[in-house]
Every structure is written in C-alpha cells, then in structure tokens.
Amino acid sequence: MRRMQMRASGNTAPHKARNTICEVTARSLSSVDRPSLSRRYPLLLSRKRIFLVSYPRSGSTLVRKYFSLLQGRPQPSVYKDDVVDASGGPLTNALDGLDLIKSHQMPGGHDDVVYLVRDGRNATLSFLYMKFLFGNHRFSERRELYDALQYIDVDEGSWARHVQAGLTLGNGRRVSFLKYEDLIRRPEWFLRQLLEFAGTPVPPSLLGECVRLEKQSDAYMRNPYNGYLYRPSPDSIYDLLVRHRTGDYWRYLFDAASKRYFHDQGGTPFLLHFGYEESSDWWKRPSLPR
C-alpha cells in the first residue's frame, strides 16, 4: 500500500519551529482560546472541565471514543479539527455537566487533569510510526532506530520530559494518573477510576455496555493514520511493530544502543515510578529474538 502522503527528500521533512508537546507553559482554554474552540465544539461555562493529557499515542483517542458513547456528543481537543464525533444518543445523562478536553501539552489554570501514561518505549515507537504515516520522516529500517529515536526527541520532546512535566502538575491542582495498559486490558475498571475522579460515577452495567459498543466499531482501524491499513516493508521497524502490536513491541525492536539512549535521556526513573520496570538496569538486558 502506498504511503498516505508524499515525503520530502532526506530523512526528515522540513522542520517548522513550534512548541514541543511537553511545553509546560501551554495555554489552557482561557477567554482568548475559548471562542476558537467553541466554533468547533459548544463548550459551556457551566460544565466542569477536565483535561486529558498524555504523550502522543497513549490512548486518548480511545478514551474520547468511550466518552462520545457515554455522553452522546463530540469530544473536544485543544487542537484544530481534532474532535471525536458521536454516533448516537447518550448512554447516560449523568455526565452532561462534564467536558473532557484532550491536550498533549500541559494546560495552564487550575482545572483538574487526568494524565494518561503509557510505557514510554512503546509510546515513542507508536508515535514514530504515526509520524512516518504522515510523511514527517523516512526512518523505517531497523538499523535506523537509534537515529529515529533522537529525531522524535529533538522534534517533539522526549517521553521522559513529558512525564516529568505531568508529575509536576500535581503540585498545584488535582491530577489523576491512569495507565494506557489498564485502558486496554480492563477498560471498565479504567473508566470507573476516571469517573470517580471526576465525581460522576455511573453504574458498572452501563460501562459494560459502553465497552461493548466500542468494540463493535471499526472506525479506529479504518483511519489510515493509525497504521492498520498500511503494509510495512518486511523486517522493517514497522513490520516488527505490527507483528507484535498487542504486546511490548519495544522488546523486539530496541537494540542495545536504543535502550541505552532511552535510559540516558532520563526514561528509567519514570519506568520504575509507574511500574514498567523493577530494576534500573533493565537496559542492560538482551532484547528478545525478532
């Protein structure tokens, strides 16, 4: 299958100066920002706002899909045109007074935050894949992975910096840290934790119905930029990622240099903090056979 977009020559597309995803001073929905977002989605001042913050490719789209089913209305984002549409009426009216707003940047203000964290090694590889599909770079060979990881960190900011900024948010506001892995493995439990944090619990049976309806949809897989339609070259970075999509694909992709790089960029303390590793020497272990 052909790539979705023409690529620039060389390994990376022309770089445009912009804020990185882990910029701590990103604006919240202040009075300056709200009119622009309101044209795309009707935010009401009477609703409680919770920001859904994450490093890219950490599950925010799936969370918003669940909320679109629960609330029966489109799910907003701080980014233009990034709205998850609703496909039917609400499953409950108990969440009418709540807006869950996606952002990859740290919001200002004092609104509550749900920080969605994923194993940074998998999240970084998934983000690399998405940017490849968008035509932002041409890294695809396994031998290029070390350079590709450096590209992601320079172009967008590292996972470690993002998580560090997220942990800092808890110093001045209410923050709940939830894990992508729980969202995938036990979605009803995940949604219950989020809604209890929001102060709007709903019956477990309703959450079960929400999860059932989402699993019937193939909208996520039909989106070409989520990587399910693309057929990667054999034995490439993305071929291995697709073959091990349901597991920890970093274990098959990270060579010694890549693991050492992730460790040196400050990732290890946060892997330990969130229970993704039990030893600070994880990066010294051999990779799994490919």
C-alpha atoms as a PDB file:
ATOM      1  CA  MET A   1       0.000   0.000   0.000  1.00  0.00           C
ATOM      2  CA  ARG A   2       1.246   3.446  -0.873  1.00  0.00           C
ATOM      3  CA  ARG A   3       2.177   5.956   1.790  1.00  0.00           C
ATOM      4  CA  MET A   4      -0.560   8.419   2.722  1.00  0.00           C
ATOM      5  CA  GLN A   5       1.457  11.497   1.829  1.00  0.00           C
ATOM      6  CA  MET A   6       4.466  12.445  -0.287  1.00  0.00           C
ATOM      7  CA  ARG A   7       7.683  12.702   1.713  1.00  0.00           C
ATOM      8  CA  ALA A   8      10.411  15.299   1.489  1.00  0.00           C
ATOM      9  CA  SER A   9      13.847  14.136   0.376  1.00  0.00           C
ATOM     10  CA  GLY A  10      16.243  13.155   3.121  1.00  0.00           C
ATOM     11  CA  ASN A  11      15.342  11.508   6.411  1.00  0.00           C
ATOM     12  CA  THR A  12      13.143  14.250   7.762  1.00  0.00           C
ATOM     13  CA  ALA A  13      10.615  16.686   6.386  1.00  0.00           C
ATOM     14  CA  PRO A  14      11.439  20.423   6.655  1.00  0.00           C
ATOM     15  CA  HIS A  15      11.311  21.381  10.312  1.00  0.00           C
ATOM     16  CA  LYS A  16       8.914  24.095  11.399  1.00  0.00           C
ATOM     17  CA  ALA A  17       9.609  25.969  14.602  1.00  0.00           C
ATOM     18  CA  ARG A  18       6.882  25.303  17.156  1.00  0.00           C
ATOM     19  CA  ASN A  19       6.289  24.379  20.772  1.00  0.00           C
ATOM     20  CA  THR A  20       7.140  20.813  21.641  1.00  0.00           C
ATOM     21  CA  ILE A  21       4.498  18.502  23.025  1.00  0.00           C
ATOM     22  CA  CYS A  22       5.907  18.712  26.539  1.00  0.00           C
ATOM     23  CA  GLU A  23       5.910  22.508  26.731  1.00  0.00           C
ATOM     24  CA  VAL A  24       4.852  23.190  30.313  1.00  0.00           C
ATOM     25  CA  THR A  25       3.602  26.716  29.611  1.00  0.00           C
ATOM     26  CA  ALA A  26       0.991  25.750  27.012  1.00  0.00           C
ATOM     27  CA  ARG A  27      -2.167  27.835  27.365  1.00  0.00           C
ATOM     28  CA  SER A  28      -5.342  26.404  28.805  1.00  0.00           C
ATOM     29  CA  LEU A  29      -8.765  27.338  27.457  1.00  0.00           C
ATOM     30  CA  SER A  30      -8.615  30.929  28.595  1.00  0.00           C
ATOM     31  CA  SER A  31     -11.028  33.584  27.409  1.00  0.00           C
ATOM     32  CA  VAL A  32      -8.693  34.091  24.428  1.00  0.00           C
ATOM     33  CA  ASP A  33      -8.766  30.415  23.402  1.00  0.00           C
ATOM     34  CA  ARG A  34     -12.381  29.522  24.115  1.00  0.00           C
ATOM     35  CA  PRO A  35     -14.111  31.247  21.163  1.00  0.00           C
ATOM     36  CA  SER A  36     -11.953  29.384  18.633  1.00  0.00           C
ATOM     37  CA  LEU A  37     -12.689  26.021  20.211  1.00  0.00           C
ATOM     38  CA  SER A  38     -16.357  26.854  20.708  1.00  0.00           C
ATOM     39  CA  ARG A  39     -16.818  27.263  16.960  1.00  0.00           C
ATOM     40  CA  ARG A  40     -15.864  23.589  16.602  1.00  0.00           C
ATOM     41  CA  TYR A  41     -17.486  22.328  19.786  1.00  0.00           C
ATOM     42  CA  PRO A  42     -20.020  24.000  22.121  1.00  0.00           C
ATOM     43  CA  LEU A  43     -18.201  24.279  25.453  1.00  0.00           C
ATOM     44  CA  LEU A  44     -20.412  25.603  28.224  1.00  0.00           C
ATOM     45  CA  LEU A  45     -19.029  27.590  31.141  1.00  0.00           C
ATOM     46  CA  SER A  46     -21.388  25.731  33.454  1.00  0.00           C
ATOM     47  CA  ARG A  47     -19.683  22.399  32.717  1.00  0.00           C
ATOM     48  CA  LYS A  48     -16.786  21.092  34.740  1.00  0.00           C
ATOM     49  CA  ARG A  49     -13.629  20.804  32.626  1.00  0.00           C
ATOM     50  CA  ILE A  50     -11.058  18.053  32.962  1.00  0.00           C
ATOM     51  CA  PHE A  51      -8.012  17.985  30.723  1.00  0.00           C
ATOM     52  CA  LEU A  52      -6.967  14.614  29.324  1.00  0.00           C
ATOM     53  CA  VAL A  53      -3.199  14.982  28.968  1.00  0.00           C
ATOM     54  CA  SER A  54      -0.767  12.472  27.525  1.00  0.00           C
ATOM     55  CA  TYR A  55       2.309  11.914  25.443  1.00  0.00           C
ATOM     56  CA  PRO A  56       1.101  11.075  21.903  1.00  0.00           C
ATOM     57  CA  ARG A  57      -0.078   7.555  21.147  1.00  0.00           C
ATOM     58  CA  SER A  58      -1.064   6.835  24.733  1.00  0.00           C
ATOM     59  CA  GLY A  59      -4.773   6.101  24.343  1.00  0.00           C
ATOM     60  CA  SER A  60      -6.504   9.486  24.431  1.00  0.00           C
ATOM     61  CA  THR A  61      -8.493   8.743  21.256  1.00  0.00           C
ATOM     62  CA  LEU A  62      -9.907   5.549  22.758  1.00  0.00           C
ATOM     63  CA  VAL A  63     -10.847   7.335  25.998  1.00  0.00           C
ATOM     64  CA  ARG A  64     -12.648  10.002  23.984  1.00  0.00           C
ATOM     65  CA  LYS A  65     -14.430   7.345  21.940  1.00  0.00           C
ATOM     66  CA  TYR A  66     -15.794   5.864  25.169  1.00  0.00           C
ATOM     67  CA  PHE A  67     -16.905   9.319  26.309  1.00  0.00           C
ATOM     68  CA  SER A  68     -18.601  10.013  22.971  1.00  0.00           C
ATOM     69  CA  LEU A  69     -20.694   6.898  23.583  1.00  0.00           C
ATOM     70  CA  LEU A  70     -21.418   7.753  27.205  1.00  0.00           C
ATOM     71  CA  GLN A  71     -22.292  11.399  26.552  1.00  0.00           C
ATOM     72  CA  GLY A  72     -23.670  11.161  23.010  1.00  0.00           C
ATOM     73  CA  ARG A  73     -21.788  14.274  21.916  1.00  0.00           C
ATOM     74  CA  PRO A  74     -18.494  15.111  20.140  1.00  0.00           C
ATOM     75  CA  GLN A  75     -15.355  15.069  22.265  1.00  0.00           C
ATOM     76  CA  PRO A  76     -13.215  18.231  22.169  1.00  0.00           C
ATOM     77  CA  SER A  77      -9.491  18.884  21.943  1.00  0.00           C
ATOM     78  CA  VAL A  78      -7.271  21.938  22.136  1.00  0.00           C
ATOM     79  CA  TYR A  79      -6.149  21.139  18.573  1.00  0.00           C
ATOM     80  CA  LYS A  80      -7.976  22.293  15.465  1.00  0.00           C
ATOM     81  CA  ASP A  81     -10.183  19.646  13.842  1.00  0.00           C
ATOM     82  CA  ASP A  82      -9.210  17.004  16.407  1.00  0.00           C
ATOM     83  CA  VAL A  83     -12.714  16.046  17.505  1.00  0.00           C
ATOM     84  CA  VAL A  84     -14.062  12.541  18.121  1.00  0.00           C
ATOM     85  CA  ASP A  85     -17.618  12.524  16.799  1.00  0.00           C
ATOM     86  CA  ALA A  86     -20.563  10.825  18.428  1.00  0.00           C
ATOM     87  CA  SER A  87     -22.516   8.191  16.540  1.00  0.00           C
ATOM     88  CA  GLY A  88     -25.706   8.144  18.614  1.00  0.00           C
ATOM     89  CA  GLY A  89     -27.516   9.407  21.651  1.00  0.00           C
ATOM     90  CA  PRO A  90     -26.099   9.346  25.184  1.00  0.00           C
ATOM     91  CA  LEU A  91     -25.984   6.208  27.286  1.00  0.00           C
ATOM     92  CA  THR A  92     -26.483   8.387  30.371  1.00  0.00           C
ATOM     93  CA  ASN A  93     -27.329  11.961  31.309  1.00  0.00           C
ATOM     94  CA  ALA A  94     -25.176  11.768  34.440  1.00  0.00           C
ATOM     95  CA  LEU A  95     -22.193  13.220  32.532  1.00  0.00           C
ATOM     96  CA  ASP A  96     -23.985  16.210  30.984  1.00  0.00           C
ATOM     97  CA  GLY A  97     -22.064  18.620  33.201  1.00  0.00           C
ATOM     98  CA  LEU A  98     -18.588  17.370  32.241  1.00  0.00           C
ATOM     99  CA  ASP A  99     -16.175  18.224  29.409  1.00  0.00           C
ATOM    100  CA  LEU A 100     -13.098  16.037  28.883  1.00  0.00           C
ATOM    101  CA  ILE A 101     -10.616  18.008  26.764  1.00  0.00           C
ATOM    102  CA  LYS A 102      -7.614  16.389  25.085  1.00  0.00           C
ATOM    103  CA  SER A 103      -4.188  18.024  25.105  1.00  0.00           C
ATOM    104  CA  HIS A 104      -0.642  16.770  24.610  1.00  0.00           C
ATOM    105  CA  GLN A 105       0.628  19.934  26.281  1.00  0.00           C
ATOM    106  CA  MET A 106       0.406  20.849  29.940  1.00  0.00           C
ATOM    107  CA  PRO A 107      -2.577  23.141  30.455  1.00  0.00           C
ATOM    108  CA  GLY A 108      -2.412  26.312  32.447  1.00  0.00           C
ATOM    109  CA  GLY A 109      -5.000  27.264  35.034  1.00  0.00           C
ATOM    110  CA  HIS A 110      -6.307  25.093  37.844  1.00  0.00           C
ATOM    111  CA  ASP A 111      -8.661  22.660  36.116  1.00  0.00           C
ATOM    112  CA  ASP A 112      -8.362  19.002  37.077  1.00  0.00           C
ATOM    113  CA  VAL A 113      -6.146  16.805  34.902  1.00  0.00           C
ATOM    114  CA  VAL A 114      -6.226  13.129  34.004  1.00  0.00           C
ATOM    115  CA  TYR A 115      -2.730  12.217  32.888  1.00  0.00           C
ATOM    116  CA  LEU A 116      -2.724   9.126  30.705  1.00  0.00           C
ATOM    117  CA  VAL A 117       0.629   7.360  30.859  1.00  0.00           C
ATOM    118  CA  ARG A 118       1.915   4.530  28.649  1.00  0.00           C
ATOM    119  CA  ASP A 119       5.214   2.637  28.691  1.00  0.00           C
ATOM    120  CA  GLY A 120       7.384   5.269  27.028  1.00  0.00           C
ATOM    121  CA  ARG A 121       9.251   2.804  24.869  1.00  0.00           C
ATOM    122  CA  ASN A 122       6.057   1.596  23.198  1.00  0.00           C
ATOM    123  CA  ALA A 123       4.561   5.098  23.050  1.00  0.00           C
ATOM    124  CA  THR A 124       7.657   6.507  21.352  1.00  0.00           C
ATOM    125  CA  LEU A 125       7.702   3.743  18.740  1.00  0.00           C
ATOM    126  CA  SER A 126       3.987   4.184  18.051  1.00  0.00           C
ATOM    127  CA  PHE A 127       4.488   7.946  17.701  1.00  0.00           C
ATOM    128  CA  LEU A 128       7.375   7.305  15.312  1.00  0.00           C
ATOM    129  CA  TYR A 129       5.065   5.104  13.223  1.00  0.00           C
ATOM    130  CA  MET A 130       2.316   7.727  13.124  1.00  0.00           C
ATOM    131  CA  LYS A 131       4.725  10.447  12.015  1.00  0.00           C
ATOM    132  CA  PHE A 132       6.045   8.091   9.323  1.00  0.00           C
ATOM    133  CA  LEU A 133       2.499   7.606   8.011  1.00  0.00           C
ATOM    134  CA  PHE A 134       2.008  11.378   7.990  1.00  0.00           C
ATOM    135  CA  GLY A 135       5.170  11.735   5.902  1.00  0.00           C
ATOM    136  CA  ASN A 136       7.155  13.620   8.559  1.00  0.00           C
ATOM    137  CA  HIS A 137      10.247  11.395   8.253  1.00  0.00           C
ATOM    138  CA  ARG A 138      11.631   8.412   6.346  1.00  0.00           C
ATOM    139  CA  PHE A 139      13.135   6.279   9.099  1.00  0.00           C
ATOM    140  CA  SER A 140      11.996   2.698   8.598  1.00  0.00           C
ATOM    141  CA  GLU A 141      14.993   0.329   8.633  1.00  0.00           C
ATOM    142  CA  ARG A 142      15.827  -1.370  11.919  1.00  0.00           C
ATOM    143  CA  ARG A 143      19.394  -0.082  11.755  1.00  0.00           C
ATOM    144  CA  GLU A 144      17.962   3.478  11.747  1.00  0.00           C
ATOM    145  CA  LEU A 145      16.081   3.149  15.034  1.00  0.00           C
ATOM    146  CA  TYR A 146      18.690   4.900  17.197  1.00  0.00           C
ATOM    147  CA  ASP A 147      18.662   7.933  14.883  1.00  0.00           C
ATOM    148  CA  ALA A 148      14.860   7.798  14.705  1.00  0.00           C
ATOM    149  CA  LEU A 149      14.537   7.990  18.493  1.00  0.00           C
ATOM    150  CA  GLN A 150      16.814  11.019  18.516  1.00  0.00           C
ATOM    151  CA  TYR A 151      14.698  12.616  15.792  1.00  0.00           C
ATOM    152  CA  ILE A 152      11.495  12.187  17.822  1.00  0.00           C
ATOM    153  CA  ASP A 153      13.055  13.657  20.965  1.00  0.00           C
ATOM    154  CA  VAL A 154      14.526  16.676  19.158  1.00  0.00           C
ATOM    155  CA  ASP A 155      11.441  17.331  17.042  1.00  0.00           C
ATOM    156  CA  GLU A 156       8.759  16.872  19.685  1.00  0.00           C
ATOM    157  CA  GLY A 157      10.343  16.379  23.115  1.00  0.00           C
ATOM    158  CA  SER A 158      11.067  13.146  24.932  1.00  0.00           C
ATOM    159  CA  TRP A 159       8.641  10.904  26.799  1.00  0.00           C
ATOM    160  CA  ALA A 160      10.697  11.369  29.985  1.00  0.00           C
ATOM    161  CA  ARG A 161      10.387  15.160  29.828  1.00  0.00           C
ATOM    162  CA  HIS A 162       6.663  14.892  29.207  1.00  0.00           C
ATOM    163  CA  VAL A 163       6.055  12.572  32.158  1.00  0.00           C
ATOM    164  CA  GLN A 164       8.251  14.733  34.393  1.00  0.00           C
ATOM    165  CA  ALA A 165       6.136  17.762  33.458  1.00  0.00           C
ATOM    166  CA  GLY A 166       2.978  15.757  34.152  1.00  0.00           C
ATOM    167  CA  LEU A 167       4.160  14.810  37.623  1.00  0.00           C
ATOM    168  CA  THR A 168       4.883  18.476  38.316  1.00  0.00           C
ATOM    169  CA  LEU A 169       1.238  19.333  37.606  1.00  0.00           C
ATOM    170  CA  GLY A 170       0.260  17.583  40.816  1.00  0.00           C
ATOM    171  CA  ASN A 171       1.947  20.299  42.868  1.00  0.00           C
ATOM    172  CA  GLY A 172      -0.851  22.811  42.304  1.00  0.00           C
ATOM    173  CA  ARG A 173      -4.003  21.019  41.156  1.00  0.00           C
ATOM    174  CA  ARG A 174      -5.855  17.720  41.280  1.00  0.00           C
ATOM    175  CA  VAL A 175      -4.258  15.158  38.953  1.00  0.00           C
ATOM    176  CA  SER A 176      -5.130  11.513  38.420  1.00  0.00           C
ATOM    177  CA  PHE A 177      -2.557   9.268  36.725  1.00  0.00           C
ATOM    178  CA  LEU A 178      -4.112   6.403  34.775  1.00  0.00           C
ATOM    179  CA  LYS A 179      -2.321   3.846  32.627  1.00  0.00           C
ATOM    180  CA  TYR A 180      -2.873   3.027  28.974  1.00  0.00           C
ATOM    181  CA  GLU A 181      -2.294  -0.633  29.716  1.00  0.00           C
ATOM    182  CA  ASP A 182      -5.292  -0.648  32.070  1.00  0.00           C
ATOM    183  CA  LEU A 183      -7.384   1.116  29.431  1.00  0.00           C
ATOM    184  CA  ILE A 184      -6.635  -1.746  27.030  1.00  0.00           C
ATOM    185  CA  ARG A 185      -6.773  -4.707  29.423  1.00  0.00           C
ATOM    186  CA  ARG A 186      -9.589  -3.664  31.758  1.00  0.00           C
ATOM    187  CA  PRO A 187     -11.453  -0.717  30.206  1.00  0.00           C
ATOM    188  CA  GLU A 188     -14.445  -0.823  32.552  1.00  0.00           C
ATOM    189  CA  TRP A 189     -12.162  -0.521  35.584  1.00  0.00           C
ATOM    190  CA  PHE A 190     -10.278   2.318  33.884  1.00  0.00           C
ATOM    191  CA  LEU A 191     -13.464   4.248  33.115  1.00  0.00           C
ATOM    192  CA  ARG A 192     -14.717   3.731  36.659  1.00  0.00           C
ATOM    193  CA  GLN A 193     -11.499   5.248  38.061  1.00  0.00           C
ATOM    194  CA  LEU A 194     -11.735   8.237  35.736  1.00  0.00           C
ATOM    195  CA  LEU A 195     -15.381   8.924  36.501  1.00  0.00           C
ATOM    196  CA  GLU A 196     -14.885   8.585  40.247  1.00  0.00           C
ATOM    197  CA  PHE A 197     -12.083  11.149  39.997  1.00  0.00           C
ATOM    198  CA  ALA A 198     -14.466  13.410  38.076  1.00  0.00           C
ATOM    199  CA  GLY A 199     -17.101  12.960  40.774  1.00  0.00           C
ATOM    200  CA  THR A 200     -19.591  11.486  38.304  1.00  0.00           C
ATOM    201  CA  PRO A 201     -19.735   7.700  38.831  1.00  0.00           C
ATOM    202  CA  VAL A 202     -22.103   5.651  36.684  1.00  0.00           C
ATOM    203  CA  PRO A 203     -23.420   2.072  37.121  1.00  0.00           C
ATOM    204  CA  PRO A 204     -20.982  -0.716  36.145  1.00  0.00           C
ATOM    205  CA  SER A 205     -23.565  -2.226  33.785  1.00  0.00           C
ATOM    206  CA  LEU A 206     -23.609   0.993  31.773  1.00  0.00           C
ATOM    207  CA  LEU A 207     -19.812   0.957  31.476  1.00  0.00           C
ATOM    208  CA  GLY A 208     -20.001  -2.610  30.234  1.00  0.00           C
ATOM    209  CA  GLU A 209     -22.463  -1.564  27.543  1.00  0.00           C
ATOM    210  CA  CYS A 210     -20.182   1.325  26.546  1.00  0.00           C
ATOM    211  CA  VAL A 211     -17.206  -1.018  26.127  1.00  0.00           C
ATOM    212  CA  ARG A 212     -19.314  -3.495  24.164  1.00  0.00           C
ATOM    213  CA  LEU A 213     -20.469  -0.823  21.721  1.00  0.00           C
ATOM    214  CA  GLU A 214     -16.941   0.488  21.197  1.00  0.00           C
ATOM    215  CA  LYS A 215     -15.623  -2.986  20.393  1.00  0.00           C
ATOM    216  CA  GLN A 216     -18.242  -3.314  17.658  1.00  0.00           C
ATOM    217  CA  SER A 217     -16.859  -0.260  15.860  1.00  0.00           C
ATOM    218  CA  ASP A 218     -14.021  -0.417  13.334  1.00  0.00           C
ATOM    219  CA  ALA A 219     -13.671   3.357  12.910  1.00  0.00           C
ATOM    220  CA  TYR A 220     -10.245   3.448  14.594  1.00  0.00           C
ATOM    221  CA  MET A 221      -8.854   0.724  12.333  1.00  0.00           C
ATOM    222  CA  ARG A 222     -10.269   2.407   9.232  1.00  0.00           C
ATOM    223  CA  ASN A 223      -8.326   5.598   9.953  1.00  0.00           C
ATOM    224  CA  PRO A 224      -5.213   5.267   7.732  1.00  0.00           C
ATOM    225  CA  TYR A 225      -3.021   7.201  10.153  1.00  0.00           C
ATOM    226  CA  ASN A 226      -3.495   4.617  12.899  1.00  0.00           C
ATOM    227  CA  GLY A 227      -1.458   2.127  10.894  1.00  0.00           C
ATOM    228  CA  TYR A 228      -3.882  -0.772  10.471  1.00  0.00           C
ATOM    229  CA  LEU A 229      -4.270  -0.313   6.694  1.00  0.00           C
ATOM    230  CA  TYR A 230      -0.609   0.239   5.845  1.00  0.00           C
ATOM    231  CA  ARG A 231       1.520  -2.781   4.898  1.00  0.00           C
ATOM    232  CA  PRO A 232       5.101  -2.102   6.024  1.00  0.00           C
ATOM    233  CA  SER A 233       8.182  -3.449   4.287  1.00  0.00           C
ATOM    234  CA  PRO A 234       9.251  -6.883   5.563  1.00  0.00           C
ATOM    235  CA  ASP A 235      11.573  -6.813   8.576  1.00  0.00           C
ATOM    236  CA  SER A 236      11.322  -3.022   8.902  1.00  0.00           C
ATOM    237  CA  ILE A 237      10.718  -1.166  12.180  1.00  0.00           C
ATOM    238  CA  TYR A 238       7.003  -1.024  11.447  1.00  0.00           C
ATOM    239  CA  ASP A 239       6.769  -4.636  10.292  1.00  0.00           C
ATOM    240  CA  LEU A 240       8.007  -5.758  13.691  1.00  0.00           C
ATOM    241  CA  LEU A 241       5.742  -3.257  15.420  1.00  0.00           C
ATOM    242  CA  VAL A 242       2.684  -4.567  13.558  1.00  0.00           C
ATOM    243  CA  ARG A 243       3.604  -8.207  14.184  1.00  0.00           C
ATOM    244  CA  HIS A 244       3.880  -7.558  17.923  1.00  0.00           C
ATOM    245  CA  ARG A 245       1.188  -4.859  18.111  1.00  0.00           C
ATOM    246  CA  THR A 246      -0.681  -6.420  21.024  1.00  0.00           C
ATOM    247  CA  GLY A 247       2.403  -6.725  23.235  1.00  0.00           C
ATOM    248  CA  ASP A 248       5.528  -4.839  24.263  1.00  0.00           C
ATOM    249  CA  TYR A 249       6.966  -4.403  20.799  1.00  0.00           C
ATOM    250  CA  TRP A 250       9.866  -2.363  22.105  1.00  0.00           C
ATOM    251  CA  ARG A 251      11.331  -5.636  23.407  1.00  0.00           C
ATOM    252  CA  TYR A 252      11.755  -6.841  19.823  1.00  0.00           C
ATOM    253  CA  LEU A 253      12.875  -3.507  18.372  1.00  0.00           C
ATOM    254  CA  PHE A 254      15.162  -1.800  20.870  1.00  0.00           C
ATOM    255  CA  ASP A 255      18.758  -2.869  20.353  1.00  0.00           C
ATOM    256  CA  ALA A 256      21.486  -2.174  22.904  1.00  0.00           C
ATOM    257  CA  ALA A 257      22.118   1.355  21.592  1.00  0.00           C
ATOM    258  CA  SER A 258      18.411   2.267  21.621  1.00  0.00           C
ATOM    259  CA  LYS A 259      17.914   1.006  25.161  1.00  0.00           C
ATOM    260  CA  ARG A 260      20.966   2.869  26.366  1.00  0.00           C
ATOM    261  CA  TYR A 261      19.717   6.031  24.638  1.00  0.00           C
ATOM    262  CA  PHE A 262      16.271   5.818  26.293  1.00  0.00           C
ATOM    263  CA  HIS A 263      17.957   5.283  29.656  1.00  0.00           C
ATOM    264  CA  ASP A 264      20.393   8.173  29.149  1.00  0.00           C
ATOM    265  CA  GLN A 265      17.521  10.504  28.218  1.00  0.00           C
ATOM    266  CA  GLY A 266      16.071  10.047  31.690  1.00  0.00           C
ATOM    267  CA  GLY A 267      13.406   7.447  30.996  1.00  0.00           C
ATOM    268  CA  THR A 268      14.394   4.870  33.612  1.00  0.00           C
ATOM    269  CA  PRO A 269      13.204   6.675  36.798  1.00  0.00           C
ATOM    270  CA  PHE A 270       9.726   7.064  35.312  1.00  0.00           C
ATOM    271  CA  LEU A 271       9.600   3.454  34.102  1.00  0.00           C
ATOM    272  CA  LEU A 272      10.315   2.484  37.708  1.00  0.00           C
ATOM    273  CA  HIS A 273       7.861   5.024  39.124  1.00  0.00           C
ATOM    274  CA  PHE A 274       4.928   3.674  37.096  1.00  0.00           C
ATOM    275  CA  GLY A 275       5.852   0.021  37.486  1.00  0.00           C
ATOM    276  CA  TYR A 276       7.041  -0.688  33.952  1.00  0.00           C
ATOM    277  CA  GLU A 277      10.391  -1.898  35.281  1.00  0.00           C
ATOM    278  CA  GLU A 278      11.640  -3.276  38.584  1.00  0.00           C
ATOM    279  CA  SER A 279      15.348  -2.680  38.001  1.00  0.00           C
ATOM    280  CA  SER A 280      17.269   0.386  36.896  1.00  0.00           C
ATOM    281  CA  ASP A 281      19.481  -1.981  34.877  1.00  0.00           C
ATOM    282  CA  TRP A 282      16.666  -3.033  32.513  1.00  0.00           C
ATOM    283  CA  TRP A 283      18.521  -1.508  29.583  1.00  0.00           C
ATOM    284  CA  LYS A 284      21.414  -3.918  30.032  1.00  0.00           C
ATOM    285  CA  ARG A 285      19.257  -6.988  29.376  1.00  0.00           C
ATOM    286  CA  PRO A 286      19.331  -8.613  25.917  1.00  0.00           C
ATOM    287  CA  SER A 287      16.489  -7.949  23.507  1.00  0.00           C
ATOM    288  CA  LEU A 288      14.019 -10.665  22.503  1.00  0.00           C
ATOM    289  CA  PRO A 289      14.602 -12.548  19.233  1.00  0.00           C
ATOM    290  CA  ARG A 290      12.952 -10.844  16.285  1.00  0.00           C
END
